[in-house]
C-alpha atoms as a PDB file:
ATOM      1  CA  MET A   1      40.659  21.491 -47.629  1.00  0.00           C
ATOM      2  CA  ILE A   2      43.258  19.333 -49.571  1.00  0.00           C
ATOM      3  CA  SER A   3      42.167  16.820 -52.084  1.00  0.00           C
ATOM      4  CA  ALA A   4      44.141  13.941 -53.465  1.00  0.00           C
ATOM      5  CA  GLU A   5      44.914  15.826 -56.654  1.00  0.00           C
ATOM      6  CA  GLN A   6      46.384  18.563 -54.478  1.00  0.00           C
ATOM      7  CA  ILE A   7      48.443  16.053 -52.540  1.00  0.00           C
ATOM      8  CA  GLN A   8      49.863  14.712 -55.751  1.00  0.00           C
ATOM      9  CA  ASN A   9      50.616  18.304 -57.017  1.00  0.00           C
ATOM     10  CA  GLU A  10      52.486  18.940 -53.627  1.00  0.00           C
ATOM     11  CA  ALA A  11      54.441  15.781 -54.209  1.00  0.00           C
ATOM     12  CA  ASP A  12      55.444  16.793 -57.731  1.00  0.00           C
ATOM     13  CA  GLU A  13      56.505  20.390 -56.393  1.00  0.00           C
ATOM     14  CA  SER A  14      58.419  18.689 -53.538  1.00  0.00           C
ATOM     15  CA  SER A  15      60.206  16.347 -55.988  1.00  0.00           C
ATOM     16  CA  SER A  16      61.280  19.436 -57.945  1.00  0.00           C
ATOM     17  CA  GLY A  17      62.551  21.164 -54.700  1.00  0.00           C
ATOM     18  CA  ILE A  18      59.670  23.599 -54.343  1.00  0.00           C
ATOM     19  CA  LEU A  19      57.815  23.467 -51.005  1.00  0.00           C
ATOM     20  CA  SER A  20      54.079  24.285 -51.255  1.00  0.00           C
ATOM     21  CA  GLY A  21      51.579  24.911 -48.410  1.00  0.00           C
ATOM     22  CA  ASP A  22      48.964  26.842 -46.871  1.00  0.00           C
ATOM     23  CA  TRP A  23      49.686  29.741 -44.318  1.00  0.00           C
ATOM     24  CA  GLU A  24      48.500  30.606 -41.160  1.00  0.00           C
ATOM     25  CA  LEU A  25      48.353  34.375 -40.231  1.00  0.00           C
ATOM     26  CA  ASP A  26      47.894  36.436 -37.165  1.00  0.00           C
ATOM     27  CA  PHE A  27      48.058  40.302 -37.187  1.00  0.00           C
ATOM     28  CA  TYR A  28      47.311  41.622 -33.741  1.00  0.00           C
ATOM     29  CA  SER A  29      48.733  43.470 -30.645  1.00  0.00           C
ATOM     30  CA  ARG A  30      51.073  41.666 -28.066  1.00  0.00           C
ATOM     31  CA  PRO A  31      51.352  42.002 -24.414  1.00  0.00           C
ATOM     32  CA  ILE A  32      54.221  44.497 -24.716  1.00  0.00           C
ATOM     33  CA  LEU A  33      54.343  48.390 -24.411  1.00  0.00           C
ATOM     34  CA  GLU A  34      56.811  50.001 -26.768  1.00  0.00           C
ATOM     35  CA  PRO A  35      59.080  53.019 -25.639  1.00  0.00           C
ATOM     36  CA  ASP A  36      56.394  55.233 -27.011  1.00  0.00           C
ATOM     37  CA  GLY A  37      53.766  53.892 -24.631  1.00  0.00           C
ATOM     38  CA  LYS A  38      51.812  52.190 -27.476  1.00  0.00           C
ATOM     39  CA  LYS A  39      50.998  48.533 -28.019  1.00  0.00           C
ATOM     40  CA  ARG A  40      53.380  46.403 -29.998  1.00  0.00           C
ATOM     41  CA  TRP A  41      51.740  45.021 -33.110  1.00  0.00           C
ATOM     42  CA  GLU A  42      53.191  41.876 -34.871  1.00  0.00           C
ATOM     43  CA  LEU A  43      52.427  40.062 -37.970  1.00  0.00           C
ATOM     44  CA  LEU A  44      52.977  36.338 -37.687  1.00  0.00           C
ATOM     45  CA  ILE A  45      52.835  33.815 -40.298  1.00  0.00           C
ATOM     46  CA  VAL A  46      53.535  30.178 -40.323  1.00  0.00           C
ATOM     47  CA  SER A  47      53.050  27.343 -42.793  1.00  0.00           C
ATOM     48  CA  SER A  48      50.554  24.672 -42.148  1.00  0.00           C
ATOM     49  CA  PRO A  49      52.210  21.222 -41.638  1.00  0.00           C
ATOM     50  CA  ILE A  50      52.383  19.232 -44.840  1.00  0.00           C
ATOM     51  CA  GLU A  51      52.965  15.481 -45.327  1.00  0.00           C
ATOM     52  CA  GLN A  52      55.944  15.270 -47.466  1.00  0.00           C
ATOM     53  CA  THR A  53      58.326  17.341 -45.115  1.00  0.00           C
ATOM     54  CA  SER A  54      58.978  18.548 -41.779  1.00  0.00           C
ATOM     55  CA  SER A  55      60.094  21.850 -43.190  1.00  0.00           C
ATOM     56  CA  THR A  56      58.282  24.954 -41.666  1.00  0.00           C
ATOM     57  CA  PHE A  57      58.201  28.602 -43.040  1.00  0.00           C
ATOM     58  CA  GLN A  58      57.949  31.200 -40.313  1.00  0.00           C
ATOM     59  CA  PHE A  59      57.832  35.102 -40.742  1.00  0.00           C
ATOM     60  CA  GLU A  60      57.358  37.699 -38.063  1.00  0.00           C
ATOM     61  CA  LYS A  61      57.572  41.575 -38.658  1.00  0.00           C
ATOM     62  CA  ARG A  62      56.658  44.386 -36.092  1.00  0.00           C
ATOM     63  CA  CYS A  63      54.181  47.033 -37.191  1.00  0.00           C
ATOM     64  CA  PRO A  64      54.113  50.625 -35.715  1.00  0.00           C
ATOM     65  CA  ALA A  65      50.787  51.079 -33.800  1.00  0.00           C
ATOM     66  CA  GLY A  66      50.066  54.135 -35.970  1.00  0.00           C
ATOM     67  CA  SER A  67      50.509  51.898 -39.187  1.00  0.00           C
ATOM     68  CA  VAL A  68      48.135  49.227 -38.377  1.00  0.00           C
ATOM     69  CA  ASN A  69      46.098  49.125 -41.787  1.00  0.00           C
ATOM     70  CA  SER A  70      45.903  46.960 -44.852  1.00  0.00           C
ATOM     71  CA  THR A  71      48.345  48.981 -46.736  1.00  0.00           C
ATOM     72  CA  TRP A  72      51.062  48.239 -44.383  1.00  0.00           C
ATOM     73  CA  LEU A  73      49.784  44.467 -44.292  1.00  0.00           C
ATOM     74  CA  THR A  74      49.866  44.257 -48.028  1.00  0.00           C
ATOM     75  CA  GLU A  75      53.435  45.303 -48.187  1.00  0.00           C
ATOM     76  CA  ALA A  76      54.422  42.949 -45.216  1.00  0.00           C
ATOM     77  CA  LEU A  77      52.734  40.180 -47.192  1.00  0.00           C
ATOM     78  CA  LYS A  78      54.887  40.770 -50.109  1.00  0.00           C
ATOM     79  CA  GLU A  79      57.978  40.623 -47.904  1.00  0.00           C
ATOM     80  CA  ALA A  80      56.798  37.383 -46.492  1.00  0.00           C
ATOM     81  CA  ILE A  81      56.242  35.889 -49.982  1.00  0.00           C
ATOM     82  CA  SER A  82      59.705  36.982 -51.179  1.00  0.00           C
ATOM     83  CA  ALA A  83      61.283  35.549 -48.091  1.00  0.00           C
ATOM     84  CA  ALA A  84      59.449  32.318 -48.614  1.00  0.00           C
ATOM     85  CA  GLU A  85      60.788  31.987 -52.210  1.00  0.00           C
ATOM     86  CA  SER A  86      64.190  32.543 -50.985  1.00  0.00           C
ATOM     87  CA  GLN A  87      63.850  29.650 -48.706  1.00  0.00           C
ATOM     88  CA  GLY A  88      62.373  27.325 -51.400  1.00  0.00           C
ATOM     89  CA  TRP A  89      58.559  27.970 -50.979  1.00  0.00           C
ATOM     90  CA  SER A  90      56.126  28.876 -53.314  1.00  0.00           C
ATOM     91  CA  SER A  91      53.305  31.419 -52.543  1.00  0.00           C
ATOM     92  CA  PRO A  92      50.458  30.072 -50.412  1.00  0.00           C
ATOM     93  CA  ARG A  93      47.481  28.336 -51.834  1.00  0.00           C
ATOM     94  CA  LYS A  94      45.440  29.527 -48.780  1.00  0.00           C
ATOM     95  CA  LEU A  95      45.929  31.875 -46.171  1.00  0.00           C
ATOM     96  CA  ARG A  96      43.933  31.074 -42.892  1.00  0.00           C
ATOM     97  CA  SER A  97      43.198  33.619 -40.213  1.00  0.00           C
ATOM     98  CA  TRP A  98      41.130  33.196 -37.031  1.00  0.00           C
ATOM     99  CA  ARG A  99      40.703  36.669 -35.458  1.00  0.00           C
ATOM    100  CA  SER A 100      37.255  37.869 -36.555  1.00  0.00           C
ATOM    101  CA  SER A 101      38.014  41.496 -35.518  1.00  0.00           C
ATOM    102  CA  MET A 102      40.831  41.559 -38.080  1.00  0.00           C
ATOM    103  CA  ARG A 103      39.093  39.738 -40.917  1.00  0.00           C
ATOM    104  CA  THR A 104      38.211  42.855 -43.177  1.00  0.00           C
ATOM    105  CA  MET A 105      41.628  44.306 -43.077  1.00  0.00           C
ATOM    106  CA  ILE A 106      43.279  40.804 -43.787  1.00  0.00           C
ATOM    107  CA  GLN A 107      40.904  40.081 -46.623  1.00  0.00           C
ATOM    108  CA  ARG A 108      41.599  43.483 -48.253  1.00  0.00           C
ATOM    109  CA  ALA A 109      45.353  42.861 -48.207  1.00  0.00           C
ATOM    110  CA  CYS A 110      45.095  39.359 -49.488  1.00  0.00           C
ATOM    111  CA  SER A 111      42.728  40.494 -52.249  1.00  0.00           C
ATOM    112  CA  GLU A 112      45.329  42.987 -53.254  1.00  0.00           C
ATOM    113  CA  LEU A 113      47.838  40.247 -53.837  1.00  0.00           C
ATOM    114  CA  GLY A 114      45.401  37.615 -55.394  1.00  0.00           C
ATOM    115  CA  LEU A 115      45.696  35.457 -52.268  1.00  0.00           C
ATOM    116  CA  GLU A 116      42.810  33.373 -50.925  1.00  0.00           C
ATOM    117  CA  MET A 117      42.066  34.264 -47.421  1.00  0.00           C
ATOM    118  CA  VAL A 118      40.107  31.647 -45.435  1.00  0.00           C
ATOM    119  CA  PRO A 119      38.311  32.620 -42.015  1.00  0.00           C
ATOM    120  CA  SER A 120      39.393  29.623 -40.058  1.00  0.00           C
ATOM    121  CA  ARG A 121      40.402  28.377 -36.677  1.00  0.00           C
ATOM    122  CA  ARG A 122      42.314  25.401 -38.352  1.00  0.00           C
ATOM    123  CA  THR A 123      45.338  27.325 -37.477  1.00  0.00           C
ATOM    124  CA  TYR A 124      46.954  25.037 -35.148  1.00  0.00           C
ATOM    125  CA  ALA A 125      50.498  25.544 -35.821  1.00  0.00           C
ATOM    126  CA  LEU A 126      49.863  29.294 -35.275  1.00  0.00           C
ATOM    127  CA  PHE A 127      48.166  28.723 -31.987  1.00  0.00           C
ATOM    128  CA  ASP A 128      51.263  26.642 -30.923  1.00  0.00           C
ATOM    129  CA  TRP A 129      53.629  29.199 -32.041  1.00  0.00           C
ATOM    130  CA  ILE A 130      51.960  32.038 -30.207  1.00  0.00           C
ATOM    131  CA  ALA A 131      51.739  29.980 -27.065  1.00  0.00           C
ATOM    132  CA  GLU A 132      55.511  29.510 -27.263  1.00  0.00           C
ATOM    133  CA  ARG A 133      56.164  33.179 -27.720  1.00  0.00           C
ATOM    134  CA  GLU A 134      53.944  34.065 -24.880  1.00  0.00           C
ATOM    135  CA  LEU A 135      55.734  31.706 -22.563  1.00  0.00           C
ATOM    136  CA  ASP A 136      59.400  32.014 -23.619  1.00  0.00           C
ATOM    137  CA  LEU A 137      59.639  35.143 -25.633  1.00  0.00           C
ATOM    138  CA  TYR A 138      57.527  38.143 -24.468  1.00  0.00           C
ATOM    139  CA  PRO A 139      58.155  37.831 -20.830  1.00  0.00           C
ATOM    140  CA  LYS A 140      61.767  38.606 -21.361  1.00  0.00           C
ATOM    141  CA  GLU A 141      61.005  41.697 -23.540  1.00  0.00           C
ATOM    142  CA  GLU A 142      61.282  45.155 -21.936  1.00  0.00           C
ATOM    143  CA  GLY A 143      57.811  46.591 -21.545  1.00  0.00           C
ATOM    144  CA  TYR A 144      56.201  43.228 -20.990  1.00  0.00           C
ATOM    145  CA  MET A 145      52.811  43.500 -19.247  1.00  0.00           C
ATOM    146  CA  ALA A 146      51.833  40.445 -17.012  1.00  0.00           C
ATOM    147  CA  GLY A 147      48.903  39.605 -19.032  1.00  0.00           C
ATOM    148  CA  PRO A 148      47.374  41.088 -22.037  1.00  0.00           C
ATOM    149  CA  LEU A 149      46.964  44.868 -22.267  1.00  0.00           C
ATOM    150  CA  ALA A 150      43.238  44.573 -22.682  1.00  0.00           C
ATOM    151  CA  PRO A 151      41.113  41.349 -22.656  1.00  0.00           C
ATOM    152  CA  PRO A 152      40.925  40.093 -26.269  1.00  0.00           C
ATOM    153  CA  PRO A 153      37.552  40.446 -27.975  1.00  0.00           C
ATOM    154  CA  ALA A 154      35.449  37.488 -26.731  1.00  0.00           C
ATOM    155  CA  ARG A 155      34.312  35.362 -29.726  1.00  0.00           C
ATOM    156  CA  VAL A 156      30.531  35.632 -30.000  1.00  0.00           C
ATOM    157  CA  SER A 157      29.245  32.024 -29.788  1.00  0.00           C
ATOM    158  CA  SER A 158      26.103  31.990 -31.999  1.00  0.00           C
ATOM    159  CA  PRO A 159      23.696  29.169 -31.172  1.00  0.00           C
ATOM    160  CA  PRO A 160      24.306  25.939 -32.843  1.00  0.00           C
ATOM    161  CA  ARG A 161      22.597  25.424 -36.059  1.00  0.00           C
ATOM    162  CA  PRO A 162      21.442  22.092 -37.432  1.00  0.00           C
ATOM    163  CA  LEU A 163      24.009  20.494 -39.693  1.00  0.00           C
ATOM    164  CA  PRO A 164      23.018  21.230 -43.337  1.00  0.00           C
ATOM    165  CA  GLU A 165      20.869  18.466 -44.870  1.00  0.00           C
ATOM    166  CA  SER A 166      23.530  18.121 -47.479  1.00  0.00           C
ATOM    167  CA  LEU A 167      26.078  17.108 -44.638  1.00  0.00           C
ATOM    168  CA  ARG A 168      23.906  14.522 -42.836  1.00  0.00           C
ATOM    169  CA  GLY A 169      24.745  11.549 -44.956  1.00  0.00           C
ATOM    170  CA  ASP A 170      22.810   8.436 -44.281  1.00  0.00           C
ATOM    171  CA  THR A 171      23.956   7.656 -40.705  1.00  0.00           C
ATOM    172  CA  TRP A 172      27.007   8.234 -38.424  1.00  0.00           C
ATOM    173  CA  ASN A 173      28.678   6.627 -35.415  1.00  0.00           C
ATOM    174  CA  TRP A 174      31.231   7.400 -32.809  1.00  0.00           C
ATOM    175  CA  ALA A 175      34.741   5.834 -33.234  1.00  0.00           C
ATOM    176  CA  GLU A 176      38.104   5.543 -31.839  1.00  0.00           C
ATOM    177  CA  LEU A 177      41.363   5.181 -33.274  1.00  0.00           C
ATOM    178  CA  SER A 178      44.910   4.605 -31.720  1.00  0.00           C
ATOM    179  CA  ALA A 179      47.450   7.256 -32.156  1.00  0.00           C
ATOM    180  CA  SER A 180      49.854   4.624 -33.883  1.00  0.00           C
ATOM    181  CA  SER A 181      47.139   4.312 -36.447  1.00  0.00           C
ATOM    182  CA  LEU A 182      46.833   7.959 -37.053  1.00  0.00           C
ATOM    183  CA  ARG A 183      50.527   8.213 -37.536  1.00  0.00           C
ATOM    184  CA  GLU A 184      50.234   6.215 -40.699  1.00  0.00           C
ATOM    185  CA  ALA A 185      47.008   8.326 -41.990  1.00  0.00           C
ATOM    186  CA  SER A 186      49.230   9.841 -44.806  1.00  0.00           C
ATOM    187  CA  ALA A 187      49.404   6.367 -46.543  1.00  0.00           C
ATOM    188  CA  TRP A 188      45.616   5.687 -46.390  1.00  0.00           C
ATOM    189  CA  PRO A 189      43.342   6.132 -49.556  1.00  0.00           C
ATOM    190  CA  ILE A 190      41.819   9.560 -48.735  1.00  0.00           C
ATOM    191  CA  GLY A 191      39.895  12.035 -50.951  1.00  0.00           C
ATOM    192  CA  PHE A 192      39.751  15.108 -49.256  1.00  0.00           C
ATOM    193  CA  ARG A 193      42.147  15.314 -46.282  1.00  0.00           C
ATOM    194  CA  GLY A 194      43.221  17.614 -43.398  1.00  0.00           C
ATOM    195  CA  LEU A 195      45.968  15.722 -41.469  1.00  0.00           C
ATOM    196  CA  LEU A 196      48.142  16.959 -38.636  1.00  0.00           C
ATOM    197  CA  PRO A 197      51.294  15.612 -37.120  1.00  0.00           C
ATOM    198  CA  VAL A 198      50.686  13.364 -34.030  1.00  0.00           C
ATOM    199  CA  PRO A 199      53.289  14.448 -31.553  1.00  0.00           C
ATOM    200  CA  GLU A 200      55.682  12.082 -30.485  1.00  0.00           C
ATOM    201  CA  THR A 201      54.996  12.750 -26.848  1.00  0.00           C
ATOM    202  CA  ILE A 202      51.672  10.888 -27.327  1.00  0.00           C
ATOM    203  CA  ASN A 203      51.785   7.046 -26.553  1.00  0.00           C
ATOM    204  CA  ASP A 204      51.029   4.627 -29.423  1.00  0.00           C
ATOM    205  CA  ASP A 205      48.142   3.083 -27.633  1.00  0.00           C
ATOM    206  CA  GLN A 206      46.342   6.362 -26.689  1.00  0.00           C
ATOM    207  CA  ILE A 207      42.947   6.421 -27.962  1.00  0.00           C
ATOM    208  CA  ILE A 208      41.777   9.312 -30.235  1.00  0.00           C
ATOM    209  CA  PRO A 209      37.980   9.959 -30.457  1.00  0.00           C
ATOM    210  CA  GLY A 210      36.298  10.733 -33.598  1.00  0.00           C
ATOM    211  CA  LEU A 211      33.153  10.768 -35.704  1.00  0.00           C
ATOM    212  CA  ARG A 212      32.445   8.822 -38.916  1.00  0.00           C
ATOM    213  CA  LEU A 213      29.760  10.050 -41.410  1.00  0.00           C
ATOM    214  CA  PHE A 214      28.441   7.526 -44.052  1.00  0.00           C
ATOM    215  CA  SER A 215      26.826   8.318 -47.494  1.00  0.00           C
ATOM    216  CA  GLN A 216      26.478   5.403 -49.983  1.00  0.00           C
ATOM    217  CA  THR A 217      25.729   7.723 -53.032  1.00  0.00           C
ATOM    218  CA  ARG A 218      27.255  11.004 -52.317  1.00  0.00           C
ATOM    219  CA  GLY A 219      30.224  10.395 -49.919  1.00  0.00           C
ATOM    220  CA  LEU A 220      32.873  12.358 -51.957  1.00  0.00           C
ATOM    221  CA  ALA A 221      30.492  15.383 -52.421  1.00  0.00           C
ATOM    222  CA  LEU A 222      29.713  15.373 -48.718  1.00  0.00           C
ATOM    223  CA  ALA A 223      33.311  15.261 -47.699  1.00  0.00           C
ATOM    224  CA  GLY A 224      34.098  18.287 -50.196  1.00  0.00           C
ATOM    225  CA  LEU A 225      31.295  20.277 -48.449  1.00  0.00           C
ATOM    226  CA  LEU A 226      32.659  19.405 -44.984  1.00  0.00           C
ATOM    227  CA  GLY A 227      36.293  20.412 -45.915  1.00  0.00           C
ATOM    228  CA  GLY A 228      34.817  23.723 -47.140  1.00  0.00           C
ATOM    229  CA  MET A 229      33.402  24.423 -43.841  1.00  0.00           C
ATOM    230  CA  GLU A 230      36.818  24.209 -42.114  1.00  0.00           C
ATOM    231  CA  PRO A 231      36.224  21.667 -39.212  1.00  0.00           C
ATOM    232  CA  VAL A 232      37.811  22.617 -36.006  1.00  0.00           C
ATOM    233  CA  CYS A 233      36.769  20.456 -33.267  1.00  0.00           C
ATOM    234  CA  LEU A 234      33.913  18.491 -31.625  1.00  0.00           C
ATOM    235  CA  LYS A 235      32.284  19.337 -28.310  1.00  0.00           C
ATOM    236  CA  VAL A 236      29.377  17.891 -26.148  1.00  0.00           C
ATOM    237  CA  SER A 237      27.192  20.507 -24.661  1.00  0.00           C
ATOM    238  CA  SER A 238      23.696  19.877 -23.095  1.00  0.00           C
ATOM    239  CA  ASN A 239      23.726  16.392 -24.341  1.00  0.00           C
ATOM    240  CA  GLN A 240      24.284  17.654 -27.864  1.00  0.00           C
ATOM    241  CA  LEU A 241      27.221  16.705 -30.175  1.00  0.00           C
ATOM    242  CA  LEU A 242      28.456  20.025 -31.681  1.00  0.00           C
ATOM    243  CA  LEU A 243      30.853  20.713 -34.485  1.00  0.00           C
ATOM    244  CA  GLU A 244      32.877  23.905 -34.165  1.00  0.00           C
ATOM    245  CA  ALA A 245      34.096  25.137 -37.732  1.00  0.00           C
ATOM    246  CA  GLY A 246      35.329  28.105 -39.668  1.00  0.00           C
ATOM    247  CA  GLN A 247      35.806  31.198 -37.799  1.00  0.00           C
ATOM    248  CA  ASP A 248      32.881  31.121 -35.469  1.00  0.00           C
ATOM    249  CA  ASP A 249      30.322  28.651 -36.752  1.00  0.00           C
ATOM    250  CA  CYS A 250      28.863  25.908 -34.634  1.00  0.00           C
ATOM    251  CA  TRP A 251      26.806  23.079 -35.826  1.00  0.00           C
ATOM    252  CA  LEU A 252      24.484  20.669 -34.211  1.00  0.00           C
ATOM    253  CA  VAL A 253      25.539  17.128 -35.224  1.00  0.00           C
ATOM    254  CA  SER A 254      23.058  15.193 -33.166  1.00  0.00           C
ATOM    255  CA  ASP A 255      21.296  15.015 -29.838  1.00  0.00           C
ATOM    256  CA  LEU A 256      22.770  12.548 -27.618  1.00  0.00           C
ATOM    257  CA  SER A 257      21.296  10.475 -24.600  1.00  0.00           C
ATOM    258  CA  ALA A 258      22.704  11.056 -21.300  1.00  0.00           C
ATOM    259  CA  GLU A 259      24.628   8.040 -21.340  1.00  0.00           C
ATOM    260  CA  GLU A 260      26.080   8.790 -24.771  1.00  0.00           C
ATOM    261  CA  ALA A 261      26.926  12.353 -23.793  1.00  0.00           C
ATOM    262  CA  ASN A 262      28.899  11.119 -20.719  1.00  0.00           C
ATOM    263  CA  THR A 263      30.742   8.424 -22.644  1.00  0.00           C
ATOM    264  CA  VAL A 264      31.767  10.950 -25.389  1.00  0.00           C
ATOM    265  CA  SER A 265      32.632  13.576 -22.971  1.00  0.00           C
ATOM    266  CA  SER A 266      34.966  11.241 -21.067  1.00  0.00           C
ATOM    267  CA  LEU A 267      36.765  10.256 -24.326  1.00  0.00           C
ATOM    268  CA  MET A 268      37.214  13.879 -25.197  1.00  0.00           C
ATOM    269  CA  LYS A 269      38.572  14.689 -21.826  1.00  0.00           C
ATOM    270  CA  GLN A 270      40.950  11.831 -21.873  1.00  0.00           C
ATOM    271  CA  ALA A 271      42.200  13.103 -25.429  1.00  0.00           C
ATOM    272  CA  SER A 272      42.475  16.634 -24.119  1.00  0.00           C
ATOM    273  CA  ASP A 273      44.603  15.492 -21.000  1.00  0.00           C
ATOM    274  CA  HIS A 274      46.731  12.938 -22.909  1.00  0.00           C
ATOM    275  CA  ALA A 275      46.506  13.504 -26.712  1.00  0.00           C
ATOM    276  CA  ASP A 276      46.944  17.218 -27.122  1.00  0.00           C
ATOM    277  CA  GLY A 277      43.140  17.432 -27.769  1.00  0.00           C
ATOM    278  CA  LEU A 278      43.239  15.482 -31.001  1.00  0.00           C
ATOM    279  CA  GLN A 279      40.048  14.259 -32.581  1.00  0.00           C
ATOM    280  CA  PHE A 280      38.902  13.127 -36.066  1.00  0.00           C
ATOM    281  CA  ILE A 281      36.095  13.241 -38.533  1.00  0.00           C
ATOM    282  CA  ALA A 282      36.010  10.543 -41.319  1.00  0.00           C
ATOM    283  CA  VAL A 283      33.606  10.366 -44.312  1.00  0.00           C
ATOM    284  CA  GLN A 284      32.998   6.872 -45.919  1.00  0.00           C
ATOM    285  CA  THR A 285      30.526   5.349 -48.115  1.00  0.00           C
ATOM    286  CA  SER A 286      29.860   2.541 -45.664  1.00  0.00           C
ATOM    287  CA  PRO A 287      31.245   1.227 -42.368  1.00  0.00           C
ATOM    288  CA  GLU A 288      32.953  -1.563 -44.296  1.00  0.00           C
ATOM    289  CA  ALA A 289      34.690   0.826 -46.727  1.00  0.00           C
ATOM    290  CA  GLU A 290      38.480   0.741 -46.727  1.00  0.00           C
ATOM    291  CA  ARG A 291      38.582   4.253 -48.467  1.00  0.00           C
ATOM    292  CA  PHE A 292      38.037   7.608 -46.833  1.00  0.00           C
ATOM    293  CA  GLU A 293      36.062  10.045 -49.012  1.00  0.00           C
ATOM    294  CA  GLY A 294      37.421  12.539 -46.431  1.00  0.00           C
ATOM    295  CA  PHE A 295      39.471  12.545 -43.147  1.00  0.00           C
ATOM    296  CA  TRP A 296      40.370  15.414 -41.104  1.00  0.00           C
ATOM    297  CA  LEU A 297      42.485  15.419 -37.668  1.00  0.00           C
ATOM    298  CA  LEU A 298      41.071  18.088 -35.380  1.00  0.00           C
ATOM    299  CA  ARG A 299      42.279  19.620 -32.236  1.00  0.00           C
ATOM    300  CA  ASP A 300      40.298  20.948 -29.248  1.00  0.00           C
ATOM    301  CA  GLN A 301      42.404  23.687 -27.632  1.00  0.00           C
ATOM    302  CA  ALA A 302      42.158  27.272 -26.329  1.00  0.00           C
ATOM    303  CA  GLU A 303      42.368  29.890 -28.664  1.00  0.00           C
ATOM    304  CA  ARG A 304      45.138  32.465 -28.237  1.00  0.00           C
END
C-alpha cells in the first residue's frame, strides 16, 4: 500500500514530468480461437489510478499458444517497460496479478526483471478494462466464442480465518460516508492509503458503507499491516463480517447479530446497485481523530 512518503515521491516525480504508479497485469486466454484452432492468449497491463493525474498507461500483446511461458512473458514485460518510458512513465513500483493459476509464471518473469509482483485482487482498473474488452472488442473478432472456451478455474474459497491479533485494534464500528466526501479524500491527512476514483455517475449524496478500526497506541503499525494484506472488499456471510484480501484470503472481522447483518447487507446491496460496489476501510487512533492512519477504498465486484 502507498504511504504518505510515497505520495510525496509521486508528487515530486509528477512535477518533474515523470509518471509513476503500480501496474495491474493479466496473462491469460481469451474467448477467441485463432486460425490455427488454438486459444488466443493476451498480456494486458494497465496502470493503477494515481491521485496526481488522470493519465493511464495501457499495454497489450498477443502470445502464441505454444509460447505461453515465463521466457515470453519476461520479454513482453521488457517491451511494456520500454513503451511506458516512451510515454513518460517510470517502471512500476509494484505489479499486481489476481489469477492464482498464473502466479508462478508471473512471479518468475517479474523476478527476472527485479519487479515486485503482488498477488492481489486490488486490480480494479484491470477488471474494468477486461469487462470493456469482453463487451465491445472480443465479440467483433473473427473466431469469437459466445462465452469462455472453458470455465475459468474457480477460485478456491478457503474458510474465513480470524483476523490476526495484530490487526484487531481496540475496537471497531460500521460507518457511512457520502460519495462527495470521498471525492475529496486525496486531500485528507492519511498515512497509508489506497484511494480509487469515485465515478462521476455516482450521485454526491450516495452513501458508501465502510469499516473503521481504532487503535490508540499502534494505529499506524496496524494500518501498515492492513495495507500489506491487500484489502479487496467486505462481505457479510452467515451473520459474519468478512474481509476479502490478497489473491484468495478471507478474514473474519467479527460476528454480527441478525439485525446488524441485515443492516450491513442492505447498505452493501445499495452500494452495489448505485455506487459501483464501493466500500472503505479506515484506521484511526480514536473515533474523534481527524487524521487517518490508513484509508482504503474497496470495490465489491465480480472477478473476470
